[in-house]
C-alpha atoms as a PDB file:
ATOM      1  CA  MET A   1     298.603 151.095  87.263  1.00  0.00           C
ATOM      2  CA  LYS A   2     295.483 149.171  86.568  1.00  0.00           C
ATOM      3  CA  LEU A   3     295.455 145.603  85.038  1.00  0.00           C
ATOM      4  CA  ALA A   4     293.145 144.349  82.762  1.00  0.00           C
ATOM      5  CA  MET A   5     293.529 141.537  80.286  1.00  0.00           C
ATOM      6  CA  SER A   6     293.677 141.417  76.413  1.00  0.00           C
ATOM      7  CA  SER A   7     291.257 138.984  74.418  1.00  0.00           C
ATOM      8  CA  TRP A   8     293.999 137.056  72.605  1.00  0.00           C
ATOM      9  CA  SER A   9     294.885 135.893  76.120  1.00  0.00           C
ATOM     10  CA  TYR A  10     291.739 133.148  75.591  1.00  0.00           C
ATOM     11  CA  HIS A  11     292.259 133.596  71.361  1.00  0.00           C
ATOM     12  CA  TRP A  12     292.371 130.022  71.297  1.00  0.00           C
ATOM     13  CA  ALA A  13     289.316 129.146  72.808  1.00  0.00           C
ATOM     14  CA  LEU A  14     287.618 132.302  70.833  1.00  0.00           C
ATOM     15  CA  SER A  15     288.732 131.026  67.676  1.00  0.00           C
ATOM     16  CA  LYS A  16     287.206 127.882  68.054  1.00  0.00           C
ATOM     17  CA  GLY A  17     284.331 129.348  69.287  1.00  0.00           C
ATOM     18  CA  GLU A  18     284.799 127.515  72.990  1.00  0.00           C
ATOM     19  CA  MET A  19     284.282 131.049  74.663  1.00  0.00           C
ATOM     20  CA  SER A  20     282.403 134.375  73.528  1.00  0.00           C
ATOM     21  CA  GLN A  21     283.771 137.769  74.247  1.00  0.00           C
ATOM     22  CA  MET A  22     280.176 137.951  76.088  1.00  0.00           C
ATOM     23  CA  ASP A  23     282.230 134.739  78.205  1.00  0.00           C
ATOM     24  CA  TRP A  24     285.527 136.478  78.334  1.00  0.00           C
ATOM     25  CA  LEU A  25     284.193 139.642  79.393  1.00  0.00           C
ATOM     26  CA  GLU A  26     281.913 137.819  82.421  1.00  0.00           C
ATOM     27  CA  LEU A  27     285.306 136.193  83.150  1.00  0.00           C
ATOM     28  CA  CYS A  28     287.224 139.231  83.712  1.00  0.00           C
ATOM     29  CA  GLY A  29     285.028 140.455  85.921  1.00  0.00           C
ATOM     30  CA  GLU A  30     285.424 137.029  87.842  1.00  0.00           C
ATOM     31  CA  LEU A  31     289.306 137.294  88.275  1.00  0.00           C
ATOM     32  CA  GLY A  32     288.541 141.349  89.727  1.00  0.00           C
ATOM     33  CA  LEU A  33     290.465 142.913  86.984  1.00  0.00           C
ATOM     34  CA  ASN A  34     290.793 145.921  86.295  1.00  0.00           C
ATOM     35  CA  GLY A  35     290.044 146.530  82.491  1.00  0.00           C
ATOM     36  CA  VAL A  36     290.163 144.687  78.978  1.00  0.00           C
ATOM     37  CA  GLU A  37     291.426 145.160  75.401  1.00  0.00           C
ATOM     38  CA  LEU A  38     289.087 144.443  73.016  1.00  0.00           C
ATOM     39  CA  LEU A  39     290.848 143.317  69.944  1.00  0.00           C
ATOM     40  CA  ASP A  40     289.118 142.922  66.620  1.00  0.00           C
ATOM     41  CA  ILE A  41     289.132 140.337  65.133  1.00  0.00           C
ATOM     42  CA  HIS A  42     287.213 138.427  68.946  1.00  0.00           C
ATOM     43  CA  PHE A  43     284.095 141.211  67.757  1.00  0.00           C
ATOM     44  CA  PRO A  44     281.445 139.219  65.852  1.00  0.00           C
ATOM     45  CA  SER A  45     279.381 141.963  64.761  1.00  0.00           C
ATOM     46  CA  LEU A  46     280.596 145.479  64.508  1.00  0.00           C
ATOM     47  CA  SER A  47     276.811 146.922  64.449  1.00  0.00           C
ATOM     48  CA  ARG A  48     275.911 149.735  66.959  1.00  0.00           C
ATOM     49  CA  ARG A  49     273.459 147.428  69.070  1.00  0.00           C
ATOM     50  CA  TYR A  50     276.399 144.760  69.474  1.00  0.00           C
ATOM     51  CA  LEU A  51     278.852 147.936  70.995  1.00  0.00           C
ATOM     52  CA  GLN A  52     276.186 148.695  73.345  1.00  0.00           C
ATOM     53  CA  SER A  53     275.767 145.384  74.376  1.00  0.00           C
ATOM     54  CA  VAL A  54     279.817 145.040  75.309  1.00  0.00           C
ATOM     55  CA  CYS A  55     280.248 148.608  76.615  1.00  0.00           C
ATOM     56  CA  LYS A  56     276.736 147.584  79.213  1.00  0.00           C
ATOM     57  CA  ALA A  57     278.627 144.468  80.513  1.00  0.00           C
ATOM     58  CA  CYS A  58     281.807 146.202  80.452  1.00  0.00           C
ATOM     59  CA  ARG A  59     279.710 148.835  82.825  1.00  0.00           C
ATOM     60  CA  ARG A  60     277.664 146.067  85.239  1.00  0.00           C
ATOM     61  CA  LEU A  61     281.063 144.006  85.258  1.00  0.00           C
ATOM     62  CA  HIS A  62     282.627 147.065  86.620  1.00  0.00           C
ATOM     63  CA  LEU A  63     285.429 146.772  83.736  1.00  0.00           C
ATOM     64  CA  GLU A  64     287.269 150.051  82.551  1.00  0.00           C
ATOM     65  CA  VAL A  65     287.710 149.674  78.308  1.00  0.00           C
ATOM     66  CA  ALA A  66     291.526 150.240  78.916  1.00  0.00           C
ATOM     67  CA  ALA A  67     292.250 149.844  74.709  1.00  0.00           C
ATOM     68  CA  ALA A  68     290.596 148.667  71.586  1.00  0.00           C
ATOM     69  CA  SER A  69     292.906 147.047  69.168  1.00  0.00           C
ATOM     70  CA  VAL A  70     292.648 146.837  65.059  1.00  0.00           C
ATOM     71  CA  SER A  71     295.143 144.162  63.931  1.00  0.00           C
ATOM     72  CA  ASN A  72     296.512 146.694  60.249  1.00  0.00           C
ATOM     73  CA  ASP A  73     299.371 146.393  57.781  1.00  0.00           C
ATOM     74  CA  PHE A  74     301.416 149.314  56.469  1.00  0.00           C
ATOM     75  CA  GLY A  75     303.419 146.705  54.823  1.00  0.00           C
ATOM     76  CA  LEU A  76     301.332 144.529  52.334  1.00  0.00           C
ATOM     77  CA  PRO A  77     302.445 144.730  48.389  1.00  0.00           C
ATOM     78  CA  GLU A  78     299.826 146.200  47.191  1.00  0.00           C
ATOM     79  CA  LYS A  79     298.811 149.871  47.562  1.00  0.00           C
ATOM     80  CA  SER A  80     294.998 149.122  47.151  1.00  0.00           C
ATOM     81  CA  GLN A  81     295.489 146.724  50.238  1.00  0.00           C
ATOM     82  CA  ARG A  82     298.047 149.032  51.975  1.00  0.00           C
ATOM     83  CA  ALA A  83     294.751 151.248  51.327  1.00  0.00           C
ATOM     84  CA  ALA A  84     292.098 149.408  52.483  1.00  0.00           C
ATOM     85  CA  ASN A  85     294.480 148.698  56.121  1.00  0.00           C
ATOM     86  CA  ARG A  86     294.187 152.875  56.290  1.00  0.00           C
ATOM     87  CA  LYS A  87     290.483 152.907  55.977  1.00  0.00           C
ATOM     88  CA  LYS A  88     290.266 150.186  58.604  1.00  0.00           C
ATOM     89  CA  VAL A  89     292.241 151.660  61.160  1.00  0.00           C
ATOM     90  CA  SER A  90     290.405 154.925  60.548  1.00  0.00           C
ATOM     91  CA  GLN A  91     286.864 152.759  61.073  1.00  0.00           C
ATOM     92  CA  TRP A  92     288.242 151.746  64.082  1.00  0.00           C
ATOM     93  CA  ILE A  93     289.202 155.079  65.643  1.00  0.00           C
ATOM     94  CA  GLY A  94     285.266 155.531  65.649  1.00  0.00           C
ATOM     95  CA  LEU A  95     284.620 152.427  66.779  1.00  0.00           C
ATOM     96  CA  ALA A  96     287.755 152.682  69.869  1.00  0.00           C
ATOM     97  CA  GLN A  97     285.379 156.465  70.642  1.00  0.00           C
ATOM     98  CA  GLU A  98     282.124 154.611  70.798  1.00  0.00           C
ATOM     99  CA  LEU A  99     283.338 151.706  73.348  1.00  0.00           C
ATOM    100  CA  GLY A 100     285.068 154.387  74.858  1.00  0.00           C
ATOM    101  CA  ALA A 101     288.613 153.172  74.688  1.00  0.00           C
ATOM    102  CA  PRO A 102     291.183 156.246  75.660  1.00  0.00           C
ATOM    103  CA  VAL A 103     294.200 154.151  73.373  1.00  0.00           C
ATOM    104  CA  LEU A 104     293.590 152.529  69.959  1.00  0.00           C
ATOM    105  CA  ARG A 105     296.400 149.606  69.147  1.00  0.00           C
ATOM    106  CA  VAL A 106     297.895 149.530  66.009  1.00  0.00           C
ATOM    107  CA  PHE A 107     300.706 148.443  64.141  1.00  0.00           C
ATOM    108  CA  SER A 108     302.903 149.012  61.262  1.00  0.00           C
ATOM    109  CA  GLY A 109     303.573 146.639  59.550  1.00  0.00           C
ATOM    110  CA  TRP A 110     305.764 143.710  57.336  1.00  0.00           C
ATOM    111  CA  PRO A 111     307.727 144.722  54.260  1.00  0.00           C
ATOM    112  CA  GLY A 112     307.979 142.015  52.616  1.00  0.00           C
ATOM    113  CA  VAL A 113     305.400 139.564  53.524  1.00  0.00           C
ATOM    114  CA  GLY A 114     307.052 137.661  55.778  1.00  0.00           C
ATOM    115  CA  ASN A 115     310.209 136.780  52.963  1.00  0.00           C
ATOM    116  CA  PRO A 116     313.265 138.378  54.211  1.00  0.00           C
ATOM    117  CA  LEU A 117     314.775 138.946  50.814  1.00  0.00           C
ATOM    118  CA  LEU A 118     312.546 141.158  50.122  1.00  0.00           C
ATOM    119  CA  TYR A 119     312.512 142.915  53.563  1.00  0.00           C
ATOM    120  CA  GLU A 120     314.926 145.658  53.792  1.00  0.00           C
ATOM    121  CA  ARG A 121     313.783 146.593  49.887  1.00  0.00           C
ATOM    122  CA  GLU A 122     309.897 146.230  50.720  1.00  0.00           C
ATOM    123  CA  ARG A 123     311.236 148.463  54.156  1.00  0.00           C
ATOM    124  CA  GLY A 124     313.000 151.007  52.619  1.00  0.00           C
ATOM    125  CA  ARG A 125     310.497 151.414  49.250  1.00  0.00           C
ATOM    126  CA  LEU A 126     307.680 152.015  51.652  1.00  0.00           C
ATOM    127  CA  TRP A 127     308.675 153.871  54.814  1.00  0.00           C
ATOM    128  CA  PRO A 128     307.941 156.621  53.581  1.00  0.00           C
ATOM    129  CA  GLU A 129     304.107 155.670  53.478  1.00  0.00           C
ATOM    130  CA  MET A 130     303.943 153.831  56.117  1.00  0.00           C
ATOM    131  CA  VAL A 131     304.895 157.328  58.445  1.00  0.00           C
ATOM    132  CA  GLY A 132     302.362 158.756  56.074  1.00  0.00           C
ATOM    133  CA  HIS A 133     299.806 156.971  56.938  1.00  0.00           C
ATOM    134  CA  LEU A 134     300.536 157.294  60.295  1.00  0.00           C
ATOM    135  CA  GLN A 135     300.591 160.660  60.612  1.00  0.00           C
ATOM    136  CA  ALA A 136     297.381 161.063  59.219  1.00  0.00           C
ATOM    137  CA  LEU A 137     295.653 157.846  61.446  1.00  0.00           C
ATOM    138  CA  ALA A 138     296.837 160.218  64.051  1.00  0.00           C
ATOM    139  CA  GLN A 139     295.148 163.633  63.055  1.00  0.00           C
ATOM    140  CA  GLU A 140     291.797 161.786  63.423  1.00  0.00           C
ATOM    141  CA  ALA A 141     292.582 160.303  66.222  1.00  0.00           C
ATOM    142  CA  LYS A 142     293.317 164.401  67.679  1.00  0.00           C
ATOM    143  CA  LYS A 143     289.461 164.779  66.618  1.00  0.00           C
ATOM    144  CA  ALA A 144     288.011 161.509  68.619  1.00  0.00           C
ATOM    145  CA  GLY A 145     290.111 162.994  71.733  1.00  0.00           C
ATOM    146  CA  ILE A 146     291.710 158.960  71.403  1.00  0.00           C
ATOM    147  CA  VAL A 147     295.407 158.423  71.493  1.00  0.00           C
ATOM    148  CA  LEU A 148     297.134 155.019  68.601  1.00  0.00           C
ATOM    149  CA  ALA A 149     300.106 153.182  70.628  1.00  0.00           C
ATOM    150  CA  LEU A 150     302.072 151.337  68.197  1.00  0.00           C
ATOM    151  CA  GLU A 151     303.181 148.312  69.371  1.00  0.00           C
ATOM    152  CA  ASN A 152     306.827 146.371  68.460  1.00  0.00           C
ATOM    153  CA  HIS A 153     305.702 144.406  67.221  1.00  0.00           C
ATOM    154  CA  ASN A 154     308.827 142.692  65.068  1.00  0.00           C
ATOM    155  CA  HIS A 155     308.864 139.041  62.672  1.00  0.00           C
ATOM    156  CA  ASN A 156     310.513 141.587  59.995  1.00  0.00           C
ATOM    157  CA  GLY A 157     308.229 144.435  60.542  1.00  0.00           C
ATOM    158  CA  PHE A 158     308.750 147.713  60.217  1.00  0.00           C
ATOM    159  CA  THR A 159     309.789 148.203  64.490  1.00  0.00           C
ATOM    160  CA  ARG A 160     311.955 145.993  64.629  1.00  0.00           C
ATOM    161  CA  THR A 161     313.964 147.655  67.293  1.00  0.00           C
ATOM    162  CA  ALA A 162     313.805 150.311  69.390  1.00  0.00           C
ATOM    163  CA  ASP A 163     315.296 152.884  67.058  1.00  0.00           C
ATOM    164  CA  ASP A 164     312.949 151.618  64.459  1.00  0.00           C
ATOM    165  CA  ILE A 165     310.151 152.689  66.659  1.00  0.00           C
ATOM    166  CA  LEU A 166     311.717 155.293  68.026  1.00  0.00           C
ATOM    167  CA  GLN A 167     312.448 156.644  64.794  1.00  0.00           C
ATOM    168  CA  ILE A 168     308.459 156.362  63.632  1.00  0.00           C
ATOM    169  CA  LEU A 169     307.440 158.734  66.738  1.00  0.00           C
ATOM    170  CA  ARG A 170     309.932 161.738  66.114  1.00  0.00           C
ATOM    171  CA  GLU A 171     309.552 160.937  61.998  1.00  0.00           C
ATOM    172  CA  VAL A 172     305.181 160.521  62.710  1.00  0.00           C
ATOM    173  CA  ASN A 173     305.569 163.809  65.875  1.00  0.00           C
ATOM    174  CA  SER A 174     303.032 164.051  67.060  1.00  0.00           C
ATOM    175  CA  GLU A 175     301.105 163.417  70.881  1.00  0.00           C
ATOM    176  CA  HIS A 176     298.293 161.358  69.360  1.00  0.00           C
ATOM    177  CA  LEU A 177     300.730 158.713  68.167  1.00  0.00           C
ATOM    178  CA  LYS A 178     302.399 156.725  71.350  1.00  0.00           C
ATOM    179  CA  VAL A 179     304.249 153.245  72.192  1.00  0.00           C
ATOM    180  CA  THR A 180     302.290 149.806  72.536  1.00  0.00           C
ATOM    181  CA  LEU A 181     305.388 148.239  74.627  1.00  0.00           C
ATOM    182  CA  ASP A 182     305.447 144.847  74.603  1.00  0.00           C
ATOM    183  CA  THR A 183     307.750 142.786  76.468  1.00  0.00           C
ATOM    184  CA  GLY A 184     307.633 139.666  75.631  1.00  0.00           C
ATOM    185  CA  ASP A 185     308.633 141.156  71.443  1.00  0.00           C
ATOM    186  CA  TYR A 186     311.549 142.757  73.491  1.00  0.00           C
ATOM    187  CA  LEU A 187     312.913 140.266  75.336  1.00  0.00           C
ATOM    188  CA  VAL A 188     311.578 136.655  74.270  1.00  0.00           C
ATOM    189  CA  ASP A 189     311.364 137.072  70.752  1.00  0.00           C
ATOM    190  CA  THR A 190     314.488 139.387  69.360  1.00  0.00           C
ATOM    191  CA  PRO A 191     316.291 139.568  72.487  1.00  0.00           C
ATOM    192  CA  GLU A 192     318.917 140.101  70.836  1.00  0.00           C
ATOM    193  CA  LEU A 193     317.883 142.704  69.128  1.00  0.00           C
ATOM    194  CA  ASN A 194     316.853 144.614  71.765  1.00  0.00           C
ATOM    195  CA  GLY A 195     316.508 143.121  75.169  1.00  0.00           C
ATOM    196  CA  TYR A 196     315.188 145.161  78.941  1.00  0.00           C
ATOM    197  CA  PRO A 197     317.629 148.441  76.966  1.00  0.00           C
ATOM    198  CA  ALA A 198     314.893 148.541  75.030  1.00  0.00           C
ATOM    199  CA  LEU A 199     312.612 147.773  77.157  1.00  0.00           C
ATOM    200  CA  GLU A 200     314.126 151.101  79.261  1.00  0.00           C
ATOM    201  CA  ARG A 201     314.464 153.363  75.966  1.00  0.00           C
ATOM    202  CA  VAL A 202     310.524 153.018  74.765  1.00  0.00           C
ATOM    203  CA  ALA A 203     309.091 152.697  77.957  1.00  0.00           C
ATOM    204  CA  TYR A 204     309.075 156.519  78.710  1.00  0.00           C
ATOM    205  CA  HIS A 205     306.506 156.385  75.547  1.00  0.00           C
ATOM    206  CA  ALA A 206     304.130 153.935  76.183  1.00  0.00           C
ATOM    207  CA  ALA A 207     300.127 154.638  76.612  1.00  0.00           C
ATOM    208  CA  LEU A 208     299.916 150.498  77.064  1.00  0.00           C
ATOM    209  CA  VAL A 209     301.797 147.833  77.773  1.00  0.00           C
ATOM    210  CA  HIS A 210     301.290 144.704  77.254  1.00  0.00           C
ATOM    211  CA  ALA A 211     302.628 142.294  80.247  1.00  0.00           C
ATOM    212  CA  LYS A 212     303.376 139.285  78.324  1.00  0.00           C
ATOM    213  CA  LEU A 213     303.048 136.030  79.698  1.00  0.00           C
ATOM    214  CA  TYR A 214     304.126 132.684  77.565  1.00  0.00           C
ATOM    215  CA  GLU A 215     304.945 130.160  80.659  1.00  0.00           C
ATOM    216  CA  VAL A 216     303.849 129.677  84.027  1.00  0.00           C
ATOM    217  CA  ASP A 217     304.856 128.336  87.188  1.00  0.00           C
ATOM    218  CA  GLU A 218     301.895 127.513  89.789  1.00  0.00           C
ATOM    219  CA  MET A 219     302.188 131.120  91.564  1.00  0.00           C
ATOM    220  CA  GLY A 220     301.487 132.208  87.770  1.00  0.00           C
ATOM    221  CA  LYS A 221     304.773 133.893  87.349  1.00  0.00           C
ATOM    222  CA  ASP A 222     306.641 134.014  84.101  1.00  0.00           C
ATOM    223  CA  LEU A 223     309.819 131.783  83.626  1.00  0.00           C
ATOM    224  CA  LYS A 224     310.449 133.292  80.358  1.00  0.00           C
ATOM    225  CA  GLN A 225     310.913 136.686  81.432  1.00  0.00           C
ATOM    226  CA  ASP A 226     312.254 138.666  84.905  1.00  0.00           C
ATOM    227  CA  TYR A 227     308.753 141.053  85.384  1.00  0.00           C
ATOM    228  CA  GLU A 228     310.523 142.050  89.011  1.00  0.00           C
ATOM    229  CA  ARG A 229     313.015 144.660  86.420  1.00  0.00           C
ATOM    230  CA  ILE A 230     310.320 145.068  84.332  1.00  0.00           C
ATOM    231  CA  PHE A 231     308.500 146.723  87.110  1.00  0.00           C
ATOM    232  CA  ASP A 232     311.590 148.595  88.025  1.00  0.00           C
ATOM    233  CA  ILE A 233     311.385 149.420  83.935  1.00  0.00           C
ATOM    234  CA  LEU A 234     308.757 151.102  84.200  1.00  0.00           C
ATOM    235  CA  THR A 235     307.627 152.730  87.246  1.00  0.00           C
ATOM    236  CA  ALA A 236     311.089 154.414  86.695  1.00  0.00           C
ATOM    237  CA  ALA A 237     309.784 155.601  83.521  1.00  0.00           C
ATOM    238  CA  GLY A 238     306.783 156.845  85.523  1.00  0.00           C
ATOM    239  CA  TYR A 239     304.390 154.661  83.287  1.00  0.00           C
ATOM    240  CA  ASP A 240     300.427 154.593  85.210  1.00  0.00           C
ATOM    241  CA  GLY A 241     298.543 153.018  82.367  1.00  0.00           C
ATOM    242  CA  PHE A 242     297.139 149.433  81.957  1.00  0.00           C
ATOM    243  CA  LEU A 243     299.422 146.732  81.800  1.00  0.00           C
ATOM    244  CA  SER A 244     297.259 144.470  79.319  1.00  0.00           C
ATOM    245  CA  MET A 245     298.420 140.983  80.148  1.00  0.00           C
ATOM    246  CA  GLU A 246     298.925 139.026  77.060  1.00  0.00           C
ATOM    247  CA  TYR A 247     299.077 134.587  77.346  1.00  0.00           C
ATOM    248  CA  GLU A 248     301.444 133.322  74.523  1.00  0.00           C
ATOM    249  CA  GLY A 249     301.469 129.351  76.050  1.00  0.00           C
ATOM    250  CA  PRO A 250     299.178 126.893  74.733  1.00  0.00           C
ATOM    251  CA  ALA A 251     295.845 126.675  76.100  1.00  0.00           C
ATOM    252  CA  ASN A 252     295.746 126.198  79.427  1.00  0.00           C
ATOM    253  CA  GLU A 253     292.565 127.112  81.151  1.00  0.00           C
ATOM    254  CA  GLU A 254     294.510 127.234  84.345  1.00  0.00           C
ATOM    255  CA  ALA A 255     297.636 129.231  83.391  1.00  0.00           C
ATOM    256  CA  VAL A 256     295.350 132.682  82.622  1.00  0.00           C
ATOM    257  CA  PRO A 257     294.069 133.541  85.864  1.00  0.00           C
ATOM    258  CA  LEU A 258     297.371 131.791  87.305  1.00  0.00           C
ATOM    259  CA  ALA A 259     298.824 134.564  85.167  1.00  0.00           C
ATOM    260  CA  ALA A 260     296.326 137.677  86.667  1.00  0.00           C
ATOM    261  CA  GLY A 261     297.241 136.966  89.860  1.00  0.00           C
ATOM    262  CA  PHE A 262     300.525 137.325  90.171  1.00  0.00           C
ATOM    263  CA  LEU A 263     300.303 140.263  88.730  1.00  0.00           C
ATOM    264  CA  MET A 264     298.236 141.344  90.863  1.00  0.00           C
ATOM    265  CA  GLY A 265     299.673 141.006  93.692  1.00  0.00           C
ATOM    266  CA  GLU A 266     302.969 142.043  92.566  1.00  0.00           C
ATOM    267  CA  LEU A 267     301.482 145.930  92.238  1.00  0.00           C
ATOM    268  CA  LYS A 268     299.768 145.171  94.762  1.00  0.00           C
ATOM    269  CA  ARG A 269     303.147 144.577  96.898  1.00  0.00           C
ATOM    270  CA  ARG A 270     304.909 147.760  95.070  1.00  0.00           C
ATOM    271  CA  GLY A 271     301.833 149.035  96.197  1.00  0.00           C
ATOM    272  CA  LEU A 272     300.862 149.950  92.647  1.00  0.00           C
ATOM    273  CA  ARG A 273     297.220 148.762  91.833  1.00  0.00           C
ATOM    274  CA  GLY A 274     295.103 151.476  90.991  1.00  0.00           C
END
């Protein structure tokens, strides 16, 4: 396995302008990471010139672009909104190709726009269309030579459970739609619905793993998840791709480097570091 970092780990600094995307890339290089996950929301520009500068910086810092990530939603109530989101993902398939990313993280969406009273009705109404969008986009991804990786994001989304995400994979039926397996979405956000059994079931379909971290101790170990067990599950599933660390805790300049050190140490101890 190789260790990358999602730019979400410094979302608080990037969103406030306290850190630029280029500053963040420099930090990833200094930490000795193998790669980076580039989120759409953290790009100050999508011009070809700027994308080339990102690629150049990654080469200089010996960082692979493990994945690009687009924030889309096929659960929005208006058809025009959902069509715009499909166009957005299509655009990012091309951008991921330009960036040299083999994987593009995508979402399925949140039917009912956060209103639990509307969730079941909207989920049933929009499910077939959501699957159709992902089928068409998987075909585009195949032509571009990349894989779409559907994140198991919850919060009343289409993918509340492992059964949901596995059903989407079956219905889309494409080798170019796999999973971004987020540990925290199953183990912290919805343990009563999912937990470690869900992680075990879905790990075999992962093209990218989000190593979520919430609260780390002085050694960088997360206090809300059992990473010994997580690594056992990933190893048993034969996963050998990128772990993209995604820090979700409060703004803390010391926490992310500590967490990176912990994960690198665990990979090395287990003989898994790529």
